[in-house]
Amino acid sequence: MTLVVKCKSCSTVHKSHIQSVATKNEFIKAKEKLELFENIWKCPKCGRMSMYSSFDYGWQEEIKVHN
């Protein structure tokens, strides 16, 4: 399972820099506690920086992600 975000510029889905959330339950708890709040990440595909809040993160079991 992978914590992912979708680039706000090019729409590429890629792994989040936060991978310490190991289970879906931990992901839900982190969102409730706003641990996934206002992080700025650089897209590995287009190189643009975007700010992500807890609503932008997704939990994917199997997904092709850009590394």
C-alpha atoms as a PDB file:
ATOM      1  CA  MET A   1       0.000   0.000   0.000  1.00  0.00           C
ATOM      2  CA  THR A   2       1.215   3.471  -0.843  1.00  0.00           C
ATOM      3  CA  LEU A   3       0.401   7.000   0.285  1.00  0.00           C
ATOM      4  CA  VAL A   4       0.060   9.056  -2.900  1.00  0.00           C
ATOM      5  CA  VAL A   5      -0.694  12.577  -4.099  1.00  0.00           C
ATOM      6  CA  LYS A   6      -1.850  13.842  -7.485  1.00  0.00           C
ATOM      7  CA  CYS A   7       0.231  16.686  -8.906  1.00  0.00           C
ATOM      8  CA  LYS A   8      -1.841  19.847  -9.103  1.00  0.00           C
ATOM      9  CA  SER A   9      -0.019  20.913 -12.280  1.00  0.00           C
ATOM     10  CA  CYS A  10       0.307  17.829 -14.478  1.00  0.00           C
ATOM     11  CA  SER A  11      -2.109  15.401 -12.697  1.00  0.00           C
ATOM     12  CA  THR A  12       0.531  12.684 -12.358  1.00  0.00           C
ATOM     13  CA  VAL A  13      -0.120  10.428  -9.367  1.00  0.00           C
ATOM     14  CA  HIS A  14       3.084   9.772  -7.455  1.00  0.00           C
ATOM     15  CA  LYS A  15       4.247   8.506  -4.098  1.00  0.00           C
ATOM     16  CA  SER A  16       4.026  11.006  -1.290  1.00  0.00           C
ATOM     17  CA  HIS A  17       7.232  11.944   0.470  1.00  0.00           C
ATOM     18  CA  ILE A  18       5.442  10.833   3.648  1.00  0.00           C
ATOM     19  CA  GLN A  19       5.581   7.040   3.802  1.00  0.00           C
ATOM     20  CA  SER A  20       5.619   6.552   7.579  1.00  0.00           C
ATOM     21  CA  VAL A  21       1.885   5.780   7.512  1.00  0.00           C
ATOM     22  CA  ALA A  22       1.942   1.992   7.172  1.00  0.00           C
ATOM     23  CA  THR A  23      -1.733   0.984   7.345  1.00  0.00           C
ATOM     24  CA  LYS A  24      -5.052   2.385   6.214  1.00  0.00           C
ATOM     25  CA  ASN A  25      -6.067   2.924   9.865  1.00  0.00           C
ATOM     26  CA  GLU A  26      -2.889   4.951  10.502  1.00  0.00           C
ATOM     27  CA  PHE A  27      -3.692   6.987   7.373  1.00  0.00           C
ATOM     28  CA  ILE A  28      -7.198   7.762   8.652  1.00  0.00           C
ATOM     29  CA  LYS A  29      -5.849   8.749  12.086  1.00  0.00           C
ATOM     30  CA  ALA A  30      -3.174  10.988  10.522  1.00  0.00           C
ATOM     31  CA  LYS A  31      -5.839  12.777   8.458  1.00  0.00           C
ATOM     32  CA  GLU A  32      -8.032  13.242  11.545  1.00  0.00           C
ATOM     33  CA  LYS A  33      -5.119  14.731  13.499  1.00  0.00           C
ATOM     34  CA  LEU A  34      -4.158  16.943  10.525  1.00  0.00           C
ATOM     35  CA  GLU A  35      -0.688  15.389  10.427  1.00  0.00           C
ATOM     36  CA  LEU A  36      -0.982  15.599   6.631  1.00  0.00           C
ATOM     37  CA  PHE A  37      -1.521  19.363   6.616  1.00  0.00           C
ATOM     38  CA  GLU A  38       0.011  21.964   4.309  1.00  0.00           C
ATOM     39  CA  ASN A  39       3.056  20.158   2.974  1.00  0.00           C
ATOM     40  CA  ILE A  40       4.828  21.428  -0.133  1.00  0.00           C
ATOM     41  CA  TRP A  41       6.115  18.761  -2.526  1.00  0.00           C
ATOM     42  CA  LYS A  42       7.917  18.872  -5.849  1.00  0.00           C
ATOM     43  CA  CYS A  43       6.453  16.690  -8.583  1.00  0.00           C
ATOM     44  CA  PRO A  44       9.023  14.172  -9.808  1.00  0.00           C
ATOM     45  CA  LYS A  45       7.622  14.408 -13.352  1.00  0.00           C
ATOM     46  CA  CYS A  46       7.069  18.125 -14.081  1.00  0.00           C
ATOM     47  CA  GLY A  47       9.194  19.594 -11.287  1.00  0.00           C
ATOM     48  CA  ARG A  48       6.543  22.058 -10.076  1.00  0.00           C
ATOM     49  CA  MET A  49       5.991  22.718  -6.388  1.00  0.00           C
ATOM     50  CA  SER A  50       2.469  22.437  -4.943  1.00  0.00           C
ATOM     51  CA  MET A  51       0.974  22.621  -1.467  1.00  0.00           C
ATOM     52  CA  TYR A  52      -0.985  19.594  -0.296  1.00  0.00           C
ATOM     53  CA  SER A  53      -3.401  19.333   2.614  1.00  0.00           C
ATOM     54  CA  SER A  54      -4.876  16.229   4.222  1.00  0.00           C
ATOM     55  CA  PHE A  55      -7.624  16.132   1.561  1.00  0.00           C
ATOM     56  CA  ASP A  56      -5.054  15.747  -1.246  1.00  0.00           C
ATOM     57  CA  TYR A  57      -3.507  12.494  -0.008  1.00  0.00           C
ATOM     58  CA  GLY A  58      -4.776   9.120  -1.115  1.00  0.00           C
ATOM     59  CA  TRP A  59      -4.234   5.566  -0.015  1.00  0.00           C
ATOM     60  CA  GLN A  60      -3.690   3.187  -2.910  1.00  0.00           C
ATOM     61  CA  GLU A  61      -3.280  -0.566  -2.718  1.00  0.00           C
ATOM     62  CA  GLU A  62      -1.980  -1.055  -6.235  1.00  0.00           C
ATOM     63  CA  ILE A  63      -1.206   1.865  -8.499  1.00  0.00           C
ATOM     64  CA  LYS A  64       1.385   2.696 -11.100  1.00  0.00           C
ATOM     65  CA  VAL A  65       3.291   5.586  -9.587  1.00  0.00           C
ATOM     66  CA  HIS A  66       5.959   7.794 -11.085  1.00  0.00           C
ATOM     67  CA  ASN A  67       9.257   7.339  -9.246  1.00  0.00           C
END
